[in-house]
């Protein structure tokens, strides 16, 4: 069992739980120093997927990639597709990411858009399942994060030393520990 950000259990609102995780962990712990700006400007599109198969999710991903490509970045800069009913197993989810990359290529969006990954059981290669460093990518539900590469480039240019983000995040998580992570989501 992991300490993924908790949801409210049966009947929980996956988008509300994802917002809470974004506010408390991603922005609150400054795990992504670029997230706050787009969130406060309401440029984050939250999509609750009703997909129950990887194929249906892939179809929805392709639609959302096109929508993000065509959207005004001042209106929608990034998209979170929360998909609670498909790819609950992390290994299946991780395998699906190859399909996400293939969709970007098939839509000729390489260099324009990319997909980042978040999952309740996220595990970086070479780590133990409950390694606190994995929690930087642990969301309450499986989530595909669609990003504009131009936005990433601008954010990285404006950030004093973007290469320290991962190291700083690991230090933050080490200081926080599992108990601190649980307390972060306690009401």
N, C-alpha and C. Protein backbone atom coordinates (compact mmCIF):
# COMPACT_ATOMS: atom_id res chain seq x y z
N UNK A 1 0.84 -1.18 0.00
CA UNK A 1 0.00 0.00 0.00
C UNK A 1 0.88 1.24 0.00
N UNK A 2 0.51 2.21 -0.77
CA UNK A 2 1.28 3.44 -0.87
C UNK A 2 0.55 4.57 -0.18
N UNK A 3 1.26 5.67 -0.04
CA UNK A 3 0.66 6.88 0.52
C UNK A 3 0.38 7.87 -0.61
N UNK A 4 -0.28 7.41 -1.65
CA UNK A 4 -0.67 8.33 -2.72
C UNK A 4 -1.58 9.38 -2.10
N UNK A 5 -1.64 10.57 -2.69
CA UNK A 5 -2.56 11.57 -2.14
C UNK A 5 -3.95 10.96 -2.02
N UNK A 6 -4.55 11.07 -0.88
CA UNK A 6 -5.84 10.41 -0.67
C UNK A 6 -6.96 11.07 -1.46
N UNK A 7 -7.91 10.26 -1.83
CA UNK A 7 -9.15 10.81 -2.36
C UNK A 7 -10.20 10.57 -1.27
N UNK A 8 -11.39 10.95 -1.52
CA UNK A 8 -12.44 10.82 -0.50
C UNK A 8 -13.09 9.44 -0.51
N UNK A 9 -12.51 8.49 -1.23
CA UNK A 9 -13.08 7.15 -1.27
C UNK A 9 -14.20 7.06 -2.30
N UNK A 10 -15.09 6.12 -2.09
CA UNK A 10 -16.21 5.92 -3.02
C UNK A 10 -17.00 7.21 -3.17
N UNK A 11 -17.29 7.55 -4.39
CA UNK A 11 -18.06 8.76 -4.65
C UNK A 11 -17.21 10.02 -4.66
N UNK A 12 -15.90 9.86 -4.52
CA UNK A 12 -15.02 11.03 -4.53
C UNK A 12 -15.04 11.71 -5.89
N UNK A 13 -14.81 12.98 -5.89
CA UNK A 13 -14.69 13.75 -7.12
C UNK A 13 -13.22 13.74 -7.53
N UNK A 14 -12.86 12.99 -8.57
CA UNK A 14 -11.46 12.89 -8.97
C UNK A 14 -10.83 14.24 -9.34
N UNK A 15 -11.62 15.15 -9.91
CA UNK A 15 -11.06 16.46 -10.26
C UNK A 15 -10.78 17.26 -8.99
N UNK A 16 -11.69 17.23 -8.03
CA UNK A 16 -11.47 17.93 -6.76
C UNK A 16 -10.24 17.37 -6.04
N UNK A 17 -10.11 16.05 -6.04
CA UNK A 17 -8.94 15.43 -5.40
C UNK A 17 -7.65 15.81 -6.13
N UNK A 18 -7.71 15.91 -7.45
CA UNK A 18 -6.54 16.30 -8.23
C UNK A 18 -6.18 17.75 -7.97
N UNK A 19 -7.17 18.61 -7.90
CA UNK A 19 -6.91 20.03 -7.57
C UNK A 19 -6.25 20.15 -6.19
N UNK A 20 -6.78 19.40 -5.25
CA UNK A 20 -6.23 19.42 -3.88
C UNK A 20 -4.77 18.99 -3.89
N UNK A 21 -4.46 17.92 -4.61
CA UNK A 21 -3.09 17.44 -4.73
C UNK A 21 -2.21 18.50 -5.40
N UNK A 22 -2.73 19.10 -6.46
CA UNK A 22 -1.97 20.14 -7.17
C UNK A 22 -1.67 21.31 -6.23
N UNK A 23 -2.67 21.76 -5.50
CA UNK A 23 -2.50 22.89 -4.59
C UNK A 23 -1.58 22.57 -3.42
N UNK A 24 -1.76 21.41 -2.81
CA UNK A 24 -1.00 21.09 -1.59
C UNK A 24 0.38 20.52 -1.86
N UNK A 25 0.51 19.68 -2.85
CA UNK A 25 1.81 19.03 -3.11
C UNK A 25 2.59 19.73 -4.21
N UNK A 26 2.04 19.76 -5.41
CA UNK A 26 2.79 20.29 -6.55
C UNK A 26 3.13 21.77 -6.36
N UNK A 27 2.12 22.57 -6.01
CA UNK A 27 2.35 24.00 -5.78
C UNK A 27 2.80 24.26 -4.35
N UNK A 28 2.12 23.64 -3.39
CA UNK A 28 2.41 23.88 -1.98
C UNK A 28 3.83 23.52 -1.58
N UNK A 29 4.34 22.43 -2.11
CA UNK A 29 5.72 22.03 -1.83
C UNK A 29 6.69 22.56 -2.89
N UNK A 30 6.16 23.27 -3.87
CA UNK A 30 6.95 23.82 -4.96
C UNK A 30 7.69 22.72 -5.74
N UNK A 31 7.02 21.58 -5.91
CA UNK A 31 7.62 20.49 -6.67
C UNK A 31 7.80 20.87 -8.13
N UNK A 32 6.89 21.71 -8.62
CA UNK A 32 7.04 22.27 -9.96
C UNK A 32 6.94 23.78 -9.83
N UNK A 33 8.05 24.48 -9.92
CA UNK A 33 8.03 25.93 -9.74
C UNK A 33 7.27 26.67 -10.85
N UNK A 34 6.85 25.96 -11.88
CA UNK A 34 6.15 26.59 -13.00
C UNK A 34 4.63 26.42 -12.89
N UNK A 35 4.17 25.56 -11.99
CA UNK A 35 2.75 25.22 -11.91
C UNK A 35 1.89 26.35 -11.38
N UNK A 36 2.38 27.09 -10.41
CA UNK A 36 1.55 28.09 -9.75
C UNK A 36 1.06 29.15 -10.73
N UNK A 37 1.93 29.63 -11.59
CA UNK A 37 1.56 30.73 -12.50
C UNK A 37 0.39 30.35 -13.39
N UNK A 38 0.42 29.17 -14.01
CA UNK A 38 -0.68 28.79 -14.89
C UNK A 38 -1.93 28.44 -14.10
N UNK A 39 -1.75 27.94 -12.89
CA UNK A 39 -2.91 27.58 -12.07
C UNK A 39 -3.66 28.83 -11.61
N UNK A 40 -2.95 29.83 -11.11
CA UNK A 40 -3.63 31.04 -10.63
C UNK A 40 -4.24 31.83 -11.79
N UNK A 41 -3.70 31.68 -12.99
CA UNK A 41 -4.28 32.34 -14.16
C UNK A 41 -5.40 31.50 -14.79
N UNK A 42 -5.71 30.38 -14.15
CA UNK A 42 -6.77 29.47 -14.61
C UNK A 42 -6.52 28.99 -16.05
N UNK A 43 -5.27 28.66 -16.34
CA UNK A 43 -4.90 28.17 -17.67
C UNK A 43 -4.70 26.65 -17.69
N UNK A 44 -5.12 25.99 -16.61
CA UNK A 44 -5.02 24.54 -16.53
C UNK A 44 -6.40 23.95 -16.86
N UNK A 45 -6.44 23.11 -17.86
CA UNK A 45 -7.69 22.43 -18.22
C UNK A 45 -7.70 21.09 -17.49
N UNK A 46 -8.75 20.84 -16.74
CA UNK A 46 -8.94 19.57 -16.04
C UNK A 46 -9.99 18.76 -16.80
N UNK A 47 -9.64 17.55 -17.19
CA UNK A 47 -10.54 16.68 -17.94
C UNK A 47 -10.72 15.38 -17.17
N UNK A 48 -11.95 15.05 -16.86
CA UNK A 48 -12.25 13.77 -16.23
C UNK A 48 -12.61 12.79 -17.33
N UNK A 49 -11.76 11.82 -17.52
CA UNK A 49 -12.00 10.81 -18.55
C UNK A 49 -12.97 9.75 -18.05
N UNK A 50 -13.85 9.33 -18.93
CA UNK A 50 -14.74 8.22 -18.59
C UNK A 50 -14.25 6.94 -19.27
N UNK A 51 -13.04 6.97 -19.79
CA UNK A 51 -12.48 5.80 -20.47
C UNK A 51 -12.35 4.63 -19.50
N UNK A 52 -12.66 3.45 -20.00
CA UNK A 52 -12.51 2.23 -19.21
C UNK A 52 -11.55 1.25 -19.88
N UNK A 53 -11.05 1.64 -21.07
CA UNK A 53 -10.07 0.80 -21.77
C UNK A 53 -8.92 1.70 -22.22
N UNK A 54 -7.73 1.13 -22.35
CA UNK A 54 -6.61 1.92 -22.86
C UNK A 54 -6.89 2.51 -24.24
N UNK A 55 -7.63 1.78 -25.07
CA UNK A 55 -7.94 2.26 -26.41
C UNK A 55 -8.81 3.52 -26.37
N UNK A 56 -9.80 3.52 -25.48
CA UNK A 56 -10.66 4.69 -25.34
C UNK A 56 -9.87 5.87 -24.77
N UNK A 57 -8.98 5.59 -23.84
CA UNK A 57 -8.14 6.66 -23.29
C UNK A 57 -7.22 7.23 -24.36
N UNK A 58 -6.66 6.38 -25.19
CA UNK A 58 -5.78 6.84 -26.26
C UNK A 58 -6.54 7.74 -27.24
N UNK A 59 -7.76 7.37 -27.54
CA UNK A 59 -8.59 8.20 -28.42
C UNK A 59 -8.85 9.57 -27.77
N UNK A 60 -9.17 9.57 -26.50
CA UNK A 60 -9.41 10.84 -25.80
C UNK A 60 -8.12 11.65 -25.70
N UNK A 61 -7.00 11.00 -25.46
CA UNK A 61 -5.72 11.69 -25.42
C UNK A 61 -5.46 12.40 -26.74
N UNK A 62 -5.68 11.72 -27.85
CA UNK A 62 -5.46 12.33 -29.17
C UNK A 62 -6.36 13.56 -29.34
N UNK A 63 -7.62 13.44 -28.93
CA UNK A 63 -8.54 14.59 -29.03
C UNK A 63 -8.04 15.76 -28.18
N UNK A 64 -7.58 15.48 -26.98
CA UNK A 64 -7.09 16.54 -26.10
C UNK A 64 -5.79 17.15 -26.59
N UNK A 65 -4.94 16.35 -27.22
CA UNK A 65 -3.71 16.89 -27.81
C UNK A 65 -4.06 17.91 -28.90
N UNK A 66 -5.00 17.56 -29.75
CA UNK A 66 -5.43 18.47 -30.82
C UNK A 66 -6.08 19.72 -30.22
N UNK A 67 -6.91 19.53 -29.21
CA UNK A 67 -7.56 20.68 -28.57
C UNK A 67 -6.51 21.62 -27.96
N UNK A 68 -5.52 21.06 -27.28
CA UNK A 68 -4.47 21.89 -26.69
C UNK A 68 -3.65 22.59 -27.77
N UNK A 69 -3.33 21.86 -28.81
CA UNK A 69 -2.58 22.46 -29.93
C UNK A 69 -3.31 23.68 -30.48
N UNK A 70 -4.63 23.57 -30.62
CA UNK A 70 -5.42 24.63 -31.24
C UNK A 70 -5.87 25.72 -30.29
N UNK A 71 -5.75 25.50 -29.00
CA UNK A 71 -6.21 26.48 -28.01
C UNK A 71 -5.24 27.64 -27.88
N UNK A 72 -5.76 28.78 -27.55
CA UNK A 72 -4.95 29.95 -27.24
C UNK A 72 -4.23 29.67 -25.91
N UNK A 73 -2.89 29.70 -25.88
CA UNK A 73 -2.16 29.42 -24.64
C UNK A 73 -2.56 30.34 -23.48
N UNK A 74 -3.03 31.53 -23.79
CA UNK A 74 -3.48 32.43 -22.72
C UNK A 74 -4.76 31.92 -22.07
N UNK A 75 -5.47 31.06 -22.77
CA UNK A 75 -6.70 30.46 -22.23
C UNK A 75 -6.44 29.08 -21.63
N UNK A 76 -5.74 28.23 -22.38
CA UNK A 76 -5.41 26.87 -21.93
C UNK A 76 -3.94 26.63 -22.23
N UNK A 77 -3.14 26.58 -21.19
CA UNK A 77 -1.71 26.37 -21.39
C UNK A 77 -1.32 24.91 -21.19
N UNK A 78 -2.10 24.19 -20.41
CA UNK A 78 -1.76 22.81 -20.09
C UNK A 78 -3.05 22.06 -19.74
N UNK A 79 -3.01 20.74 -19.88
CA UNK A 79 -4.20 19.92 -19.62
C UNK A 79 -3.83 18.74 -18.73
N UNK A 80 -4.69 18.46 -17.76
CA UNK A 80 -4.57 17.27 -16.93
C UNK A 80 -5.76 16.36 -17.26
N UNK A 81 -5.45 15.19 -17.81
CA UNK A 81 -6.49 14.19 -18.06
C UNK A 81 -6.45 13.20 -16.90
N UNK A 82 -7.45 13.24 -16.07
CA UNK A 82 -7.57 12.35 -14.92
C UNK A 82 -8.42 11.17 -15.36
N UNK A 83 -7.87 9.97 -15.26
CA UNK A 83 -8.57 8.78 -15.76
C UNK A 83 -8.64 7.70 -14.68
N UNK A 84 -9.64 7.81 -13.80
CA UNK A 84 -9.72 6.90 -12.66
C UNK A 84 -10.13 5.46 -12.98
N UNK A 85 -10.71 5.22 -14.15
CA UNK A 85 -11.27 3.90 -14.45
C UNK A 85 -10.45 3.08 -15.43
N UNK A 86 -9.24 3.52 -15.71
CA UNK A 86 -8.38 2.76 -16.62
C UNK A 86 -6.92 2.98 -16.23
N UNK A 87 -6.12 1.94 -16.36
CA UNK A 87 -4.68 1.95 -16.08
C UNK A 87 -4.39 2.19 -14.60
N UNK A 88 -5.15 1.55 -13.74
CA UNK A 88 -4.91 1.65 -12.30
C UNK A 88 -3.61 0.96 -11.91
N UNK A 89 -3.22 -0.06 -12.66
CA UNK A 89 -1.95 -0.74 -12.40
C UNK A 89 -0.82 0.10 -12.99
N UNK A 90 0.18 0.43 -12.17
CA UNK A 90 1.24 1.34 -12.62
C UNK A 90 2.02 0.77 -13.81
N UNK A 91 2.29 -0.52 -13.82
CA UNK A 91 3.05 -1.07 -14.94
C UNK A 91 2.28 -0.96 -16.25
N UNK A 92 0.98 -1.19 -16.20
CA UNK A 92 0.14 -1.00 -17.40
C UNK A 92 0.16 0.47 -17.81
N UNK A 93 0.03 1.35 -16.83
CA UNK A 93 0.07 2.79 -17.10
C UNK A 93 1.40 3.17 -17.75
N UNK A 94 2.48 2.69 -17.17
CA UNK A 94 3.81 3.01 -17.68
C UNK A 94 3.98 2.52 -19.12
N UNK A 95 3.46 1.33 -19.40
CA UNK A 95 3.51 0.81 -20.77
C UNK A 95 2.69 1.68 -21.73
N UNK A 96 1.57 2.20 -21.24
CA UNK A 96 0.69 3.05 -22.05
C UNK A 96 1.40 4.32 -22.52
N UNK A 97 2.38 4.78 -21.75
CA UNK A 97 3.07 6.03 -22.11
C UNK A 97 3.74 5.94 -23.48
N UNK A 98 4.11 4.73 -23.90
CA UNK A 98 4.65 4.56 -25.26
C UNK A 98 3.57 4.90 -26.29
N UNK A 99 2.33 4.52 -26.01
CA UNK A 99 1.21 4.86 -26.89
C UNK A 99 0.98 6.37 -26.92
N UNK A 100 1.14 7.02 -25.77
CA UNK A 100 0.99 8.48 -25.71
C UNK A 100 2.03 9.15 -26.60
N UNK A 101 3.26 8.68 -26.50
CA UNK A 101 4.32 9.23 -27.35
C UNK A 101 4.04 8.97 -28.83
N UNK A 102 3.52 7.79 -29.13
CA UNK A 102 3.18 7.45 -30.52
C UNK A 102 2.06 8.35 -31.03
N UNK A 103 1.10 8.70 -30.17
CA UNK A 103 0.01 9.60 -30.57
C UNK A 103 0.57 10.98 -30.91
N UNK A 104 1.51 11.45 -30.11
CA UNK A 104 2.14 12.75 -30.39
C UNK A 104 2.83 12.70 -31.75
N UNK A 105 3.53 11.61 -32.02
CA UNK A 105 4.22 11.47 -33.30
C UNK A 105 3.21 11.37 -34.45
N UNK A 106 2.16 10.58 -34.27
CA UNK A 106 1.16 10.40 -35.34
C UNK A 106 0.46 11.72 -35.66
N UNK A 107 0.31 12.58 -34.66
CA UNK A 107 -0.34 13.88 -34.88
C UNK A 107 0.67 14.96 -35.29
N UNK A 108 1.92 14.54 -35.48
CA UNK A 108 3.00 15.46 -35.87
C UNK A 108 3.14 16.61 -34.87
N UNK A 109 3.12 16.26 -33.58
CA UNK A 109 3.21 17.26 -32.52
C UNK A 109 4.51 17.15 -31.72
N UNK A 110 5.49 16.34 -32.21
CA UNK A 110 6.76 16.28 -31.52
C UNK A 110 7.39 17.67 -31.55
N UNK A 111 7.98 18.06 -30.44
CA UNK A 111 8.58 19.38 -30.34
C UNK A 111 7.57 20.47 -30.02
N UNK A 112 6.28 20.12 -30.04
CA UNK A 112 5.23 21.09 -29.73
C UNK A 112 4.53 20.75 -28.41
N UNK A 113 4.18 19.47 -28.25
CA UNK A 113 3.50 19.02 -27.03
C UNK A 113 4.21 17.78 -26.49
N UNK A 114 4.05 17.57 -25.20
CA UNK A 114 4.57 16.35 -24.58
C UNK A 114 3.63 15.92 -23.47
N UNK A 115 3.79 14.68 -23.03
CA UNK A 115 2.96 14.13 -21.97
C UNK A 115 3.84 13.78 -20.78
N UNK A 116 3.50 14.33 -19.62
CA UNK A 116 4.15 13.96 -18.36
C UNK A 116 3.19 13.02 -17.62
N UNK A 117 3.74 12.24 -16.70
CA UNK A 117 2.94 11.17 -16.10
C UNK A 117 2.90 11.26 -14.58
N UNK A 118 1.69 11.00 -14.05
CA UNK A 118 1.45 10.97 -12.61
C UNK A 118 0.52 9.80 -12.32
N UNK A 119 0.77 9.12 -11.21
CA UNK A 119 0.00 7.92 -10.88
C UNK A 119 0.08 7.69 -9.37
N UNK A 120 -0.97 7.12 -8.77
CA UNK A 120 -0.95 6.86 -7.33
C UNK A 120 0.18 5.92 -6.89
N UNK A 121 0.65 5.06 -7.79
CA UNK A 121 1.72 4.11 -7.47
C UNK A 121 3.00 4.40 -8.26
N UNK A 122 3.20 5.65 -8.64
CA UNK A 122 4.35 6.01 -9.47
C UNK A 122 5.63 5.48 -8.83
N UNK A 123 6.50 4.93 -9.68
CA UNK A 123 7.78 4.41 -9.20
C UNK A 123 8.85 4.66 -10.25
N UNK A 124 9.85 5.44 -9.88
CA UNK A 124 10.98 5.67 -10.77
C UNK A 124 11.81 4.39 -10.85
N UNK A 125 12.43 4.18 -12.00
CA UNK A 125 13.29 3.01 -12.20
C UNK A 125 14.39 3.00 -11.14
N UNK A 126 14.67 1.83 -10.62
CA UNK A 126 15.76 1.67 -9.67
C UNK A 126 15.42 2.08 -8.24
N UNK A 127 14.13 2.36 -7.97
CA UNK A 127 13.74 2.73 -6.61
C UNK A 127 12.82 1.66 -6.02
N UNK A 128 12.75 1.63 -4.70
CA UNK A 128 11.81 0.75 -4.01
C UNK A 128 10.42 1.35 -4.14
N UNK A 129 9.38 0.52 -4.12
CA UNK A 129 8.02 1.05 -4.31
C UNK A 129 7.65 2.18 -3.34
N UNK A 130 8.07 2.10 -2.10
CA UNK A 130 7.67 3.11 -1.12
C UNK A 130 8.75 4.18 -0.90
N UNK A 131 9.72 4.27 -1.81
CA UNK A 131 10.74 5.31 -1.72
C UNK A 131 10.06 6.68 -1.78
N UNK A 132 10.34 7.52 -0.83
CA UNK A 132 9.67 8.82 -0.73
C UNK A 132 9.90 9.68 -1.98
N UNK A 133 10.98 9.48 -2.70
CA UNK A 133 11.24 10.24 -3.93
C UNK A 133 10.20 9.99 -5.01
N UNK A 134 9.57 8.82 -4.99
CA UNK A 134 8.52 8.50 -5.96
C UNK A 134 7.31 9.40 -5.79
N UNK A 135 7.15 9.97 -4.60
CA UNK A 135 5.95 10.73 -4.29
C UNK A 135 5.89 12.07 -5.04
N UNK A 136 6.99 12.48 -5.63
CA UNK A 136 6.95 13.70 -6.44
C UNK A 136 6.01 13.52 -7.64
N UNK A 137 5.77 12.29 -8.04
CA UNK A 137 4.91 12.00 -9.19
C UNK A 137 3.68 11.19 -8.81
N UNK A 138 3.34 11.18 -7.53
CA UNK A 138 2.16 10.43 -7.08
C UNK A 138 0.96 11.35 -6.97
N UNK A 139 -0.03 11.04 -7.77
CA UNK A 139 -1.28 11.80 -7.81
C UNK A 139 -2.40 10.92 -7.26
N UNK A 140 -3.55 11.49 -6.92
CA UNK A 140 -4.61 10.66 -6.36
C UNK A 140 -5.20 9.68 -7.36
N UNK A 141 -5.13 9.98 -8.64
CA UNK A 141 -5.65 9.12 -9.71
C UNK A 141 -4.64 9.13 -10.84
N UNK A 142 -4.64 8.07 -11.68
CA UNK A 142 -3.77 8.12 -12.86
C UNK A 142 -4.10 9.38 -13.67
N UNK A 143 -3.04 10.08 -14.07
CA UNK A 143 -3.21 11.37 -14.74
C UNK A 143 -2.17 11.55 -15.82
N UNK A 144 -2.63 11.98 -16.99
CA UNK A 144 -1.74 12.36 -18.09
C UNK A 144 -1.70 13.88 -18.13
N UNK A 145 -0.51 14.44 -18.10
CA UNK A 145 -0.34 15.90 -18.10
C UNK A 145 0.19 16.32 -19.46
N UNK A 146 -0.62 17.04 -20.21
CA UNK A 146 -0.24 17.52 -21.54
C UNK A 146 0.37 18.91 -21.39
N UNK A 147 1.56 19.06 -21.93
CA UNK A 147 2.31 20.31 -21.78
C UNK A 147 2.74 20.85 -23.14
N UNK A 148 2.76 22.17 -23.23
CA UNK A 148 3.31 22.85 -24.41
C UNK A 148 4.82 22.99 -24.22
N UNK A 149 5.58 22.54 -25.18
CA UNK A 149 7.03 22.64 -25.05
C UNK A 149 7.50 24.09 -25.05
N UNK A 150 6.83 24.97 -25.77
CA UNK A 150 7.21 26.39 -25.77
C UNK A 150 7.04 26.99 -24.37
N UNK A 151 6.00 26.57 -23.67
CA UNK A 151 5.78 27.06 -22.30
C UNK A 151 6.86 26.55 -21.37
N UNK A 152 7.24 25.29 -21.55
CA UNK A 152 8.32 24.73 -20.74
C UNK A 152 9.62 25.49 -21.00
N UNK A 153 9.92 25.73 -22.27
CA UNK A 153 11.14 26.46 -22.63
C UNK A 153 11.17 27.85 -22.00
N UNK A 154 10.04 28.57 -22.05
CA UNK A 154 9.99 29.91 -21.44
C UNK A 154 10.17 29.85 -19.94
N UNK A 155 9.53 28.88 -19.31
CA UNK A 155 9.64 28.74 -17.86
C UNK A 155 11.07 28.40 -17.44
N UNK A 156 11.69 27.49 -18.18
CA UNK A 156 13.07 27.10 -17.86
C UNK A 156 14.03 28.28 -18.06
N UNK A 157 13.82 29.06 -19.11
CA UNK A 157 14.67 30.24 -19.33
C UNK A 157 14.56 31.23 -18.19
N UNK A 158 13.36 31.38 -17.64
CA UNK A 158 13.13 32.35 -16.58
C UNK A 158 13.56 31.83 -15.20
N UNK A 159 13.78 30.54 -15.08
CA UNK A 159 14.14 29.95 -13.78
C UNK A 159 15.65 29.98 -13.63
N UNK A 160 16.15 30.43 -12.48
CA UNK A 160 17.59 30.62 -12.32
C UNK A 160 18.43 29.36 -12.59
N UNK A 161 18.02 28.21 -12.08
CA UNK A 161 18.80 26.99 -12.29
C UNK A 161 17.86 25.79 -12.34
N UNK A 162 17.26 25.54 -13.49
CA UNK A 162 16.25 24.48 -13.58
C UNK A 162 16.79 23.09 -13.30
N UNK A 163 18.09 22.91 -13.39
CA UNK A 163 18.66 21.58 -13.21
C UNK A 163 18.67 21.14 -11.75
N UNK A 164 18.42 22.06 -10.83
CA UNK A 164 18.40 21.69 -9.41
C UNK A 164 17.01 21.28 -8.94
N UNK A 165 16.00 21.41 -9.80
CA UNK A 165 14.63 21.12 -9.39
C UNK A 165 14.48 19.69 -8.88
N UNK A 166 14.97 18.71 -9.62
CA UNK A 166 14.82 17.31 -9.21
C UNK A 166 15.53 17.07 -7.88
N UNK A 167 16.75 17.55 -7.76
CA UNK A 167 17.52 17.38 -6.52
C UNK A 167 16.80 18.05 -5.34
N UNK A 168 16.31 19.27 -5.57
CA UNK A 168 15.59 19.98 -4.51
C UNK A 168 14.32 19.24 -4.11
N UNK A 169 13.61 18.69 -5.11
CA UNK A 169 12.39 17.94 -4.82
C UNK A 169 12.69 16.71 -3.96
N UNK A 170 13.75 16.00 -4.29
CA UNK A 170 14.12 14.83 -3.49
C UNK A 170 14.47 15.23 -2.06
N UNK A 171 15.17 16.34 -1.90
CA UNK A 171 15.49 16.84 -0.56
C UNK A 171 14.21 17.22 0.19
N UNK A 172 13.29 17.87 -0.50
CA UNK A 172 12.00 18.25 0.10
C UNK A 172 11.26 17.01 0.58
N UNK A 173 11.20 16.00 -0.26
CA UNK A 173 10.48 14.78 0.10
C UNK A 173 11.18 14.04 1.24
N UNK A 174 12.51 14.02 1.24
CA UNK A 174 13.24 13.39 2.34
C UNK A 174 12.93 14.08 3.66
N UNK A 175 12.92 15.42 3.65
CA UNK A 175 12.60 16.17 4.88
C UNK A 175 11.16 15.92 5.32
N UNK A 176 10.25 15.86 4.37
CA UNK A 176 8.84 15.67 4.66
C UNK A 176 8.56 14.26 5.19
N UNK A 177 9.12 13.28 4.52
CA UNK A 177 8.91 11.88 4.92
C UNK A 177 7.47 11.44 4.71
N UNK A 178 7.23 10.17 4.98
CA UNK A 178 5.90 9.59 4.78
C UNK A 178 4.87 10.21 5.72
N UNK A 179 5.25 10.43 6.96
CA UNK A 179 4.30 11.02 7.92
C UNK A 179 3.94 12.44 7.50
N UNK A 180 4.91 13.22 7.08
CA UNK A 180 4.64 14.58 6.60
C UNK A 180 3.75 14.58 5.37
N UNK A 181 3.98 13.60 4.47
CA UNK A 181 3.15 13.48 3.27
C UNK A 181 1.69 13.23 3.66
N UNK A 182 1.47 12.30 4.60
CA UNK A 182 0.11 12.02 5.05
C UNK A 182 -0.53 13.26 5.68
N UNK A 183 0.24 13.97 6.50
CA UNK A 183 -0.27 15.18 7.17
C UNK A 183 -0.62 16.27 6.16
N UNK A 184 0.10 16.32 5.05
CA UNK A 184 -0.14 17.32 4.03
C UNK A 184 -1.58 17.25 3.51
N UNK A 185 -2.15 16.05 3.53
CA UNK A 185 -3.50 15.87 3.00
C UNK A 185 -4.55 15.67 4.09
N UNK A 186 -4.13 15.75 5.34
CA UNK A 186 -5.09 15.64 6.45
C UNK A 186 -5.88 16.94 6.56
N UNK A 187 -7.15 16.81 6.81
CA UNK A 187 -7.98 18.02 6.96
C UNK A 187 -8.20 18.34 8.41
